[in-house]
Protein backbone atom coordinates (compact mmCIF):
# COMPACT_ATOMS: atom_id res chain seq x y z
CA UNK A 1 -29.92 27.64 10.97
CA UNK A 2 -30.91 26.69 14.52
CA UNK A 3 -27.83 26.57 16.73
CA UNK A 4 -29.02 26.82 20.32
CA UNK A 5 -27.85 24.16 22.75
CA UNK A 6 -30.59 22.25 24.59
CA UNK A 7 -33.38 23.89 22.58
CA UNK A 8 -33.13 21.70 19.49
CA UNK A 9 -34.66 18.32 20.26
CA UNK A 10 -34.98 15.59 17.67
CA UNK A 11 -36.68 12.34 18.62
CA UNK A 12 -34.80 10.27 16.05
CA UNK A 13 -31.58 8.55 17.09
CA UNK A 14 -28.45 10.20 15.71
CA UNK A 15 -25.03 8.60 15.91
CA UNK A 16 -21.63 10.29 15.97
CA UNK A 17 -18.83 7.81 15.23
CA UNK A 18 -15.28 9.01 15.81
CA UNK A 19 -11.96 7.65 14.75
CA UNK A 20 -9.81 7.74 17.90
CA UNK A 21 -6.28 8.69 16.87
CA UNK A 22 -6.50 12.15 15.30
CA UNK A 23 -9.97 13.50 16.10
CA UNK A 24 -9.93 12.55 19.81
CA UNK A 25 -6.29 11.90 20.79
CA UNK A 26 -3.11 13.01 19.01
CA UNK A 27 -1.05 9.96 19.97
CA UNK A 28 -0.34 7.24 17.42
CA UNK A 29 -0.07 4.56 20.06
CA UNK A 30 1.56 1.85 17.94
CA UNK A 31 4.17 4.30 16.66
CA UNK A 32 4.96 5.43 20.21
CA UNK A 33 5.20 1.81 21.37
CA UNK A 34 7.78 1.20 18.63
CA UNK A 35 9.87 3.96 20.24
CA UNK A 36 10.45 1.63 23.19
CA UNK A 37 13.20 -0.28 21.39
CA UNK A 38 16.20 0.68 19.30
CA UNK A 39 15.36 1.33 15.64
CA UNK A 40 11.64 0.90 16.31
CA UNK A 41 10.54 4.27 14.83
CA UNK A 42 12.15 3.80 11.39
CA UNK A 43 10.81 0.25 11.28
CA UNK A 44 7.30 1.52 11.89
CA UNK A 45 7.61 4.37 9.38
CA UNK A 46 8.68 2.00 6.61
CA UNK A 47 5.99 -0.57 7.41
CA UNK A 48 3.39 2.22 7.56
CA UNK A 49 4.37 3.33 4.05
CA UNK A 50 4.20 -0.29 2.94
CA UNK A 51 0.72 -0.51 4.46
CA UNK A 52 -0.38 2.51 2.38
CA UNK A 53 1.12 0.87 -0.69
CA UNK A 54 -0.76 -2.39 -0.12
CA UNK A 55 -4.04 -0.63 0.69
CA UNK A 56 -3.92 1.46 -2.49
CA UNK A 57 -3.22 -1.71 -4.48
CA UNK A 58 -6.48 -3.15 -3.13
CA UNK A 59 -4.66 -6.35 -2.26
CA UNK A 60 -7.10 -9.13 -1.43
CA UNK A 61 -7.89 -9.54 2.28
CA UNK A 62 -5.77 -6.51 3.15
CA UNK A 63 -7.19 -3.37 4.71
CA UNK A 64 -5.69 0.03 5.57
CA UNK A 65 -4.32 -0.06 9.10
CA UNK A 66 -3.06 -3.63 8.93
CA UNK A 67 0.26 -2.05 9.88
CA UNK A 68 -0.80 -3.00 13.40
CA UNK A 69 -0.69 -6.64 12.37
CA UNK A 70 2.52 -6.38 10.35
CA UNK A 71 4.50 -4.97 13.28
CA UNK A 72 3.59 -7.81 15.66
CA UNK A 73 6.70 -9.92 14.87
CA UNK A 74 8.94 -6.95 15.65
CA UNK A 75 7.12 -6.22 18.91
CA UNK A 76 7.61 -9.83 19.99
CA UNK A 77 11.32 -10.18 19.19
CA UNK A 78 11.99 -6.88 20.96
CA UNK A 79 10.20 -7.92 24.14
CA UNK A 80 7.20 -5.59 24.03
CA UNK A 81 4.26 -6.55 26.26
CA UNK A 82 0.65 -5.47 26.75
CA UNK A 83 1.75 -3.57 29.85
CA UNK A 84 4.14 -1.56 27.68
CA UNK A 85 1.23 -0.60 25.43
CA UNK A 86 -0.79 0.51 28.46
CA UNK A 87 2.11 2.54 29.86
CA UNK A 88 2.54 4.37 26.57
CA UNK A 89 -1.20 4.96 26.38
CA UNK A 90 -1.18 6.57 29.82
CA UNK A 91 0.96 9.34 28.32
CA UNK A 92 -1.65 10.05 25.65
CA UNK A 93 -3.28 13.44 25.68
CA UNK A 94 -6.73 14.33 24.42
CA UNK A 95 -7.23 16.64 21.47
CA UNK A 96 -8.16 20.05 22.85
CA UNK A 97 -11.91 20.27 23.34
CA UNK A 98 -12.55 16.53 22.91
CA UNK A 99 -13.92 16.03 26.41
CA UNK A 100 -16.28 19.02 26.10
CA UNK A 101 -17.48 17.94 22.65
CA UNK A 102 -18.36 14.43 23.81
CA UNK A 103 -20.16 15.83 26.86
CA UNK A 104 -22.20 18.21 24.71
CA UNK A 105 -23.17 15.42 22.32
CA UNK A 106 -24.20 13.10 25.14
CA UNK A 107 -26.22 15.94 26.70
CA UNK A 108 -28.04 16.19 23.38
CA UNK A 109 -28.67 12.40 23.44
CA UNK A 110 -26.31 11.58 20.58
CA UNK A 111 -25.24 7.96 20.39
CA UNK A 112 -21.44 8.40 20.56
CA UNK A 113 -19.19 5.59 19.33
CA UNK A 114 -15.48 5.13 18.69
CA UNK A 115 -14.47 3.17 15.58
CA UNK A 116 -10.72 2.71 15.93
CA UNK A 117 -7.85 0.78 14.42
CA UNK A 118 -6.02 1.17 17.76
CA UNK A 119 -5.09 -1.73 19.97
CA UNK A 120 -7.70 -2.30 22.68
CA UNK A 121 -5.24 -1.38 25.46
CA UNK A 122 -5.07 2.16 24.07
CA UNK A 123 -8.60 2.62 22.73
CA UNK A 124 -10.32 1.70 25.99
CA UNK A 125 -8.02 3.99 27.97
CA UNK A 126 -8.70 7.08 25.85
CA UNK A 127 -12.42 6.35 25.57
CA UNK A 128 -12.71 6.02 29.36
CA UNK A 129 -11.18 9.49 29.76
CA UNK A 130 -13.91 10.80 27.47
CA UNK A 131 -16.71 9.02 29.30
CA UNK A 132 -17.48 6.70 26.37
CA UNK A 133 -18.64 3.27 27.51
CA UNK A 134 -16.47 0.31 26.54
CA UNK A 135 -19.31 -1.39 24.66
CA UNK A 136 -19.36 1.61 22.31
CA UNK A 137 -15.67 1.27 21.48
CA UNK A 138 -14.92 -0.83 18.40
CA UNK A 139 -11.19 -1.49 18.16
CA UNK A 140 -8.49 -4.10 17.54
CA UNK A 141 -8.46 -6.93 20.09
CA UNK A 142 -4.81 -7.58 20.86
CA UNK A 143 -3.80 -10.39 23.27
CA UNK A 144 -0.09 -9.79 22.68
CA UNK A 145 1.11 -11.55 25.83
CA UNK A 146 -0.47 -14.82 24.71
CA UNK A 147 1.88 -14.83 21.70
CA UNK A 148 5.12 -14.55 23.71
CA UNK A 149 6.00 -18.26 23.57
CA UNK A 150 4.72 -19.02 20.08
CA UNK A 151 7.81 -18.19 18.02
CA UNK A 152 10.62 -20.66 17.53
CA UNK A 153 14.28 -19.98 16.77
CA UNK A 154 13.72 -20.13 13.00
CA UNK A 155 10.95 -17.52 13.14
CA UNK A 156 12.99 -15.23 15.37
CA UNK A 157 15.95 -15.48 12.99
CA UNK A 158 13.67 -14.71 10.03
CA UNK A 159 12.21 -11.66 11.76
CA UNK A 160 15.66 -10.30 12.63
CA UNK A 161 16.70 -10.82 9.03
CA UNK A 162 13.89 -8.73 7.55
CA UNK A 163 14.29 -6.16 10.35
CA UNK A 164 17.92 -5.68 9.31
CA UNK A 165 16.92 -5.38 5.66
CA UNK A 166 14.41 -2.64 6.51
CA UNK A 167 17.00 -0.75 8.57
CA UNK A 168 19.51 -1.08 5.77
CA UNK A 169 16.93 0.46 3.44
CA UNK A 170 16.53 3.37 5.86
CA UNK A 171 20.26 4.10 6.05
CA UNK A 172 21.32 3.63 2.43
CA UNK A 173 21.44 6.47 -0.07
CA UNK A 174 20.22 6.02 -3.59
CA UNK A 175 17.23 6.48 -5.84
CA UNK A 176 14.22 6.61 -3.51
CA UNK A 177 11.79 5.16 -6.04
CA UNK A 178 13.95 2.16 -6.88
CA UNK A 179 14.71 1.59 -3.17
CA UNK A 180 11.03 1.54 -2.28
CA UNK A 181 10.28 -0.85 -5.13
CA UNK A 182 13.03 -3.20 -4.01
CA UNK A 183 11.94 -3.10 -0.39
CA UNK A 184 8.29 -3.69 -1.29
CA UNK A 185 9.41 -6.83 -3.13
CA UNK A 186 11.35 -7.98 -0.05
CA UNK A 187 8.43 -7.28 2.26
CA UNK A 188 6.00 -9.04 -0.09
CA UNK A 189 8.26 -12.09 0.03
CA UNK A 190 8.48 -11.96 3.83
CA UNK A 191 4.82 -11.33 4.68
CA UNK A 192 3.07 -13.21 1.87
CA UNK A 193 5.45 -16.05 0.97
CA UNK A 194 7.57 -16.89 4.02
CA UNK A 195 5.26 -15.99 6.93
CA UNK A 196 2.33 -18.25 5.86
CA UNK A 197 4.48 -21.35 6.42
CA UNK A 198 5.65 -20.28 9.88
CA UNK A 199 4.14 -19.95 13.36
CA UNK A 200 3.96 -16.20 12.76
CA UNK A 201 0.93 -16.88 10.60
CA UNK A 202 -0.92 -18.48 13.51
CA UNK A 203 -0.48 -15.20 15.39
CA UNK A 204 -1.68 -13.15 12.43
CA UNK A 205 -4.80 -15.32 12.23
CA UNK A 206 -5.73 -14.27 15.78
CA UNK A 207 -5.57 -10.53 15.15
CA UNK A 208 -8.21 -8.69 13.10
CA UNK A 209 -7.31 -5.03 12.74
CA UNK A 210 -10.32 -2.69 12.60
CA UNK A 211 -9.44 -0.62 9.56
CA UNK A 212 -10.84 0.07 6.11
CA UNK A 213 -13.84 -2.12 5.28
CA UNK A 214 -13.73 -3.58 8.79
CA UNK A 215 -14.39 -0.09 10.14
CA UNK A 216 -17.44 0.07 7.89
CA UNK A 217 -18.73 -3.22 9.29
CA UNK A 218 -18.12 -2.05 12.86
CA UNK A 219 -19.91 1.21 12.13
CA UNK A 220 -22.95 -0.47 10.58
CA UNK A 221 -23.15 -2.81 13.56
CA UNK A 222 -22.96 0.20 15.89
CA UNK A 223 -25.84 2.10 14.29
CA UNK A 224 -27.99 -1.01 13.95
CA UNK A 225 -31.31 -0.25 12.30
CA UNK A 226 -30.85 3.51 12.41
CA UNK A 227 -30.55 5.00 8.92
CA UNK A 228 -27.05 5.88 7.75
CA UNK A 229 -28.37 9.34 6.85
CA UNK A 230 -28.77 9.95 10.60
CA UNK A 231 -25.10 9.17 11.17
CA UNK A 232 -22.05 11.43 11.32
CA UNK A 233 -18.56 9.95 11.01
CA UNK A 234 -15.37 11.80 11.81
CA UNK A 235 -12.00 10.54 10.58
CA UNK A 236 -8.64 11.75 9.34
CA UNK A 237 -6.60 9.05 7.60
CA UNK A 238 -6.38 6.14 5.19
CA UNK A 239 -7.97 3.74 7.70
CA UNK A 240 -11.11 5.91 7.67
CA UNK A 241 -11.69 6.59 4.01
CA UNK A 242 -14.08 3.70 3.38
CA UNK A 243 -16.14 4.63 6.44
CA UNK A 244 -16.23 8.27 5.35
CA UNK A 245 -17.25 7.29 1.83
CA UNK A 246 -19.96 4.89 3.00
CA UNK A 247 -21.76 7.48 5.10
CA UNK A 248 -21.28 10.27 2.57
CA UNK A 249 -22.81 8.19 -0.21
CA UNK A 250 -25.73 7.21 2.07
CA UNK A 251 -26.66 10.84 2.73
CA UNK A 252 -25.07 11.15 6.14
CA UNK A 253 -22.43 13.56 7.40
CA UNK A 254 -18.83 12.65 6.70
CA UNK A 255 -16.20 14.95 8.25
CA UNK A 256 -12.45 14.92 7.71
CA UNK A 257 -10.91 16.50 10.81
CA UNK A 258 -7.36 17.62 10.00
CA UNK A 259 -7.56 15.01 7.29
CA UNK A 260 -4.76 13.77 5.08
CA UNK A 261 -4.87 13.25 1.33
CA UNK A 262 -6.35 9.77 1.75
CA UNK A 263 -9.32 10.94 3.83
CA UNK A 264 -10.31 14.32 2.37
CA UNK A 265 -11.62 13.11 -1.03
CA UNK A 266 -14.13 10.84 0.72
CA UNK A 267 -15.65 13.36 3.16
CA UNK A 268 -18.34 15.92 2.42
CA UNK A 269 -17.05 18.48 4.93
CA UNK A 270 -13.49 19.26 5.96
CA UNK A 271 -12.61 20.89 9.28
CA UNK A 272 -9.10 22.04 10.15
CA UNK A 273 -8.60 23.24 13.73
CA UNK A 274 -6.45 22.67 16.82
CA UNK A 275 -9.60 22.31 18.95
CA UNK A 276 -12.32 19.81 18.09
CA UNK A 277 -15.25 21.39 19.92
CA UNK A 278 -16.29 23.67 16.97
CA UNK A 279 -17.29 20.42 15.29
CA UNK A 280 -20.39 20.61 17.50
CA UNK A 281 -21.69 23.44 15.30
CA UNK A 282 -21.72 21.23 12.22
CA UNK A 283 -23.12 18.21 14.06
CA UNK A 284 -25.95 20.25 15.59
CA UNK A 285 -26.89 21.69 12.22
CA UNK A 286 -26.80 18.23 10.64
CA UNK A 287 -29.12 16.91 13.31
CA UNK A 288 -31.52 19.82 13.00
CA UNK A 289 -31.68 20.11 9.24
CA UNK A 290 -29.69 17.37 7.54
CA UNK A 291 -26.60 17.57 5.37
CA UNK A 292 -27.81 20.67 3.51
CA UNK A 293 -28.10 22.60 6.77
CA UNK A 294 -24.58 21.51 7.75
CA UNK A 295 -23.35 22.64 4.33
CA UNK A 296 -24.95 26.05 4.77
CA UNK A 297 -23.14 26.59 8.06
CA UNK A 298 -19.83 25.31 6.67
CA UNK A 299 -20.15 27.67 3.69
CA UNK A 300 -20.78 30.60 6.02
CA UNK A 301 -17.64 29.85 8.01
CA UNK A 302 -15.64 29.22 4.86
CA UNK A 303 -16.62 32.59 3.41
CA UNK A 304 -16.26 34.69 6.57
CA UNK A 305 -13.72 32.95 8.82
CA UNK A 306 -11.05 35.63 8.32
CA UNK A 307 -13.55 38.26 9.52
CA UNK A 308 -14.51 36.12 12.51
CA UNK A 309 -10.84 35.72 13.45
CA UNK A 310 -10.33 39.47 13.27
CA UNK A 311 -13.38 40.15 15.45
CA UNK A 312 -15.27 37.20 17.00
CA UNK A 313 -18.20 39.53 17.72
CA UNK A 314 -18.96 39.38 14.00
CA UNK A 315 -19.94 35.71 14.22
CA UNK A 316 -23.74 35.65 13.79
CA UNK A 317 -25.60 34.26 16.76
CA UNK A 318 -27.25 31.67 14.56
CA UNK A 319 -23.78 30.35 13.57
CA UNK A 320 -22.35 29.72 17.02
CA UNK A 321 -23.37 28.54 20.48
CA UNK A 322 -22.76 30.67 23.61
CA UNK A 323 -20.01 28.38 24.97
CA UNK A 324 -18.01 28.67 21.75
CA UNK A 325 -18.71 32.39 21.35
CA UNK A 326 -17.09 32.94 24.76
CA UNK A 327 -14.24 30.59 23.87
CA UNK A 328 -13.45 32.39 20.62
CA UNK A 329 -13.64 35.79 22.30
CA UNK A 330 -11.29 34.81 25.11
CA UNK A 331 -8.70 32.85 23.10
CA UNK A 332 -6.28 34.94 21.02
CA UNK A 333 -4.90 32.10 18.84
CA UNK A 334 -6.51 32.09 15.41
CA UNK A 335 -5.97 28.32 15.17
CA UNK A 336 -8.97 27.70 17.45
CA UNK A 337 -11.29 29.06 14.77
CA UNK A 338 -12.44 26.20 12.52
CA UNK A 339 -11.47 26.30 8.85
CA UNK A 340 -14.52 24.70 7.32
CA UNK A 341 -15.03 23.63 3.74
CA UNK A 342 -17.79 21.87 1.86
CA UNK A 343 -15.69 19.50 -0.23
CA UNK A 344 -18.27 18.65 -2.86
CA UNK A 345 -17.73 20.58 -6.06
CA UNK A 346 -14.21 21.73 -5.25
CA UNK A 347 -11.69 21.79 -8.09
CA UNK A 348 -8.47 19.78 -7.87
CA UNK A 349 -6.57 22.98 -7.18
CA UNK A 350 -8.95 23.94 -4.37
CA UNK A 351 -8.69 20.46 -2.86
CA UNK A 352 -4.90 20.71 -2.92
CA UNK A 353 -5.09 24.02 -1.06
CA UNK A 354 -7.47 22.51 1.49
CA UNK A 355 -5.17 19.48 1.92
CA UNK A 356 -2.21 21.81 2.55
CA UNK A 357 -4.21 23.67 5.20
CA UNK A 358 -5.23 20.42 6.89
CA UNK A 359 -1.60 19.24 6.83
CA UNK A 360 -0.58 22.38 8.73
CA UNK A 361 -3.21 21.87 11.43
CA UNK A 362 -2.56 18.12 11.51
CA UNK A 363 1.09 18.83 12.36
CA UNK A 364 0.09 21.33 15.03
CA UNK A 365 -2.16 18.80 16.74
CA UNK A 366 -0.28 15.52 16.22
CA UNK A 367 3.35 16.56 15.70
CA UNK A 368 5.27 16.45 12.45
CA UNK A 369 6.35 12.79 12.56
CA UNK A 370 2.95 11.37 13.45
CA UNK A 371 1.17 13.71 11.04
CA UNK A 372 3.16 12.34 8.11
CA UNK A 373 1.94 8.77 8.66
CA UNK A 374 -0.91 7.55 6.43
């Protein structure tokens, strides 16, 4: 292992592509925007679950993250504007250590990109705080204000009708499985039978959410002719799993950072932590020696993390950089120490334990409500 900042120089171009919401910023912007009107949060939570349901069904022309398209009618009838999205985004924090990590990578001449499902109003704001140029941010273009006069009375009535049905689902008791099945049928009818014959469909046609396979296309465009095996992707949720899988299968580095059950099976390394800067250790090893070198370091941390937490002086010099050695030594919280796992070869039981650990850290970083979203 060769972890020494500024002494490892590789002439080849290496790319680090980050999902935005999760690895870089804890805010789920669309969810927070839905908090701006009465009953917005439960609406979003139900539609998010419906999005997971559709994505796992592999419905044609549907990708994980299309929640951001499905909520558009409800944003419009409740008077949400692009300025509202920007105001909510201004409240967004960065994941601890995100700014330092991006600076370190840029110092080492990494090509840093953001591949995000987020609306452009949010993605560009967070990326600018991190010093990532706009042309390296691949996100969902969202001219919401241009849609404000599109809907007619019949569409508005239809939207209110399905909104009330969703809220009724949220408030009623009963068998959860049968309720979900009934609601999915109602939502299928609304989105795939009624909407196509209305002016809502014209709005949907103008919004392409960057999730699932569309993230893969954005990523491949970002790296250009550089080999995928010189690419590291970092994601955490269902919108990332195809991107994680693509790079993993191509011999690159695929990291689930505080990943959920949809992301973890498609990554080759899992990292659970409240601070993202220890990810630099894995990225530096990957650049210096490929995936195997990153695996070696992850295995070392997996085997000895409890000892490192007890006494940071036990961390071998070849397994840490000076900046992080000082950080670990001066920070008493054990949650800043990365829980690293090589995911390949793990049993189902081990993967369940890893998923439970990631869920704990995911809640610490993003909050319980946001962490539970797909």
